[in-house]
Amino acid sequence: MFAGIGPRIAGEHHHFKKDTMVTAAWVISLAKELHLDYSFLNRIRIRVDDSGVGGGVTDRLNEIVAEEGLPYEIIPINNGSSSLDEHYGNLVTEMGIH
């Protein structure tokens, strides 16, 4: 998972074959860490590949954000989908630019 501020990568975490609860916890942990480091940010958007197993991660992130009153916006996406902008080949490419 990667965290970015504008076009710059600000943090990352790698793991393999972890369940949705572990993944959601890592996402929240990274977001909180970055929010402390970049306290001037008043809104944090978290994009999650919502297809397949990712749907569970999206659901859990929404629960945590609501329970803790965090200023995070969870955005479900489908990495396999087409770009929203015709200038990009796919959604992943478009997200990497913005």
Protein backbone atom coordinates (compact mmCIF):
# COMPACT_ATOMS: atom_id res chain seq x y z
CA MET A 1 0.00 0.00 0.00
CA PHE A 2 1.22 3.48 -0.78
CA ALA A 3 0.37 6.89 0.60
CA GLY A 4 0.87 10.01 -1.45
CA ILE A 5 0.66 13.73 -1.08
CA GLY A 6 0.09 15.11 -4.53
CA PRO A 7 2.43 13.27 -6.88
CA ARG A 8 4.89 12.37 -4.07
CA ILE A 9 4.94 9.04 -2.21
CA ALA A 10 4.87 9.86 1.50
CA GLY A 11 4.67 6.37 2.98
CA GLU A 12 4.31 2.72 2.14
CA HIS A 13 3.76 -0.68 3.68
CA HIS A 14 4.07 -4.14 2.13
CA HIS A 15 2.53 -7.39 3.24
CA PHE A 16 1.28 -10.53 1.55
CA LYS A 17 -1.73 -12.77 2.13
CA LYS A 18 -3.13 -10.98 5.18
CA ASP A 19 -6.83 -10.91 5.97
CA THR A 20 -9.07 -7.89 5.49
CA MET A 21 -8.96 -6.88 9.17
CA VAL A 22 -5.15 -6.80 9.22
CA THR A 23 -5.05 -4.87 5.96
CA ALA A 24 -7.60 -2.31 7.17
CA ALA A 25 -5.64 -1.86 10.40
CA TRP A 26 -2.43 -1.20 8.46
CA VAL A 27 -4.20 1.35 6.25
CA ILE A 28 -5.56 3.24 9.26
CA SER A 29 -2.20 3.07 11.03
CA LEU A 30 -0.39 4.52 8.00
CA ALA A 31 -3.04 7.23 7.57
CA LYS A 32 -2.78 8.24 11.24
CA GLU A 33 1.03 8.30 11.09
CA LEU A 34 0.99 10.49 8.00
CA HIS A 35 -1.69 12.74 9.45
CA LEU A 36 0.62 13.42 12.40
CA ASP A 37 3.56 14.12 10.09
CA TYR A 38 1.48 16.34 7.80
CA SER A 39 -0.93 17.94 10.26
CA PHE A 40 -1.80 20.68 7.76
CA LEU A 41 -3.89 18.15 5.82
CA ASN A 42 -7.53 18.52 6.72
CA ARG A 43 -8.80 15.74 4.48
CA ILE A 44 -7.30 12.38 3.70
CA ARG A 45 -8.67 10.29 0.86
CA ILE A 46 -8.05 6.54 0.95
CA ARG A 47 -8.59 4.70 -2.32
CA VAL A 48 -9.19 0.97 -2.02
CA ASP A 49 -9.39 -1.56 -4.84
CA ASP A 50 -12.91 -2.62 -3.94
CA SER A 51 -13.18 -5.55 -6.34
CA GLY A 52 -13.11 -9.03 -4.84
CA VAL A 53 -11.68 -9.30 -1.32
CA GLY A 54 -11.02 -5.54 -1.25
CA GLY A 55 -14.71 -4.98 -0.57
CA GLY A 56 -14.18 -6.25 2.97
CA VAL A 57 -11.31 -3.82 3.47
CA THR A 58 -13.50 -0.96 2.26
CA ASP A 59 -16.29 -1.97 4.64
CA ARG A 60 -13.96 -2.22 7.64
CA LEU A 61 -12.28 1.10 6.86
CA ASN A 62 -15.69 2.79 6.71
CA GLU A 63 -16.53 1.27 10.11
CA ILE A 64 -13.28 2.45 11.71
CA VAL A 65 -13.63 5.96 10.26
CA ALA A 66 -17.19 6.22 11.60
CA GLU A 67 -16.36 4.71 15.02
CA GLU A 68 -13.33 6.95 15.59
CA GLY A 69 -14.67 10.06 13.84
CA LEU A 70 -11.61 10.24 11.60
CA PRO A 71 -11.41 12.88 8.83
CA TYR A 72 -10.78 10.23 6.17
CA GLU A 73 -12.75 9.64 3.00
CA ILE A 74 -12.82 6.02 1.86
CA ILE A 75 -13.10 5.80 -1.93
CA PRO A 76 -13.88 2.39 -3.41
CA ILE A 77 -12.42 1.88 -6.88
CA ASN A 78 -11.99 -0.95 -9.33
CA ASN A 79 -8.40 -1.02 -10.57
CA GLY A 80 -9.46 -3.06 -13.59
CA SER A 81 -11.84 -0.38 -14.83
CA SER A 82 -11.34 2.19 -17.56
CA SER A 83 -9.89 5.60 -16.92
CA LEU A 84 -12.27 8.46 -16.22
CA ASP A 85 -10.08 10.64 -18.47
CA GLU A 86 -9.52 9.58 -22.09
CA HIS A 87 -5.86 10.68 -21.89
CA TYR A 88 -4.95 7.72 -19.65
CA GLY A 89 -4.84 4.05 -20.56
CA ASN A 90 -6.56 2.81 -17.39
CA LEU A 91 -7.68 3.88 -13.93
CA VAL A 92 -4.43 2.88 -12.21
CA THR A 93 -2.41 5.09 -14.55
CA GLU A 94 -4.76 8.00 -14.00
CA MET A 95 -4.62 7.66 -10.21
CA GLY A 96 -0.83 7.53 -10.25
CA ILE A 97 -0.72 10.91 -11.92
CA HIS A 98 -3.26 12.71 -9.67
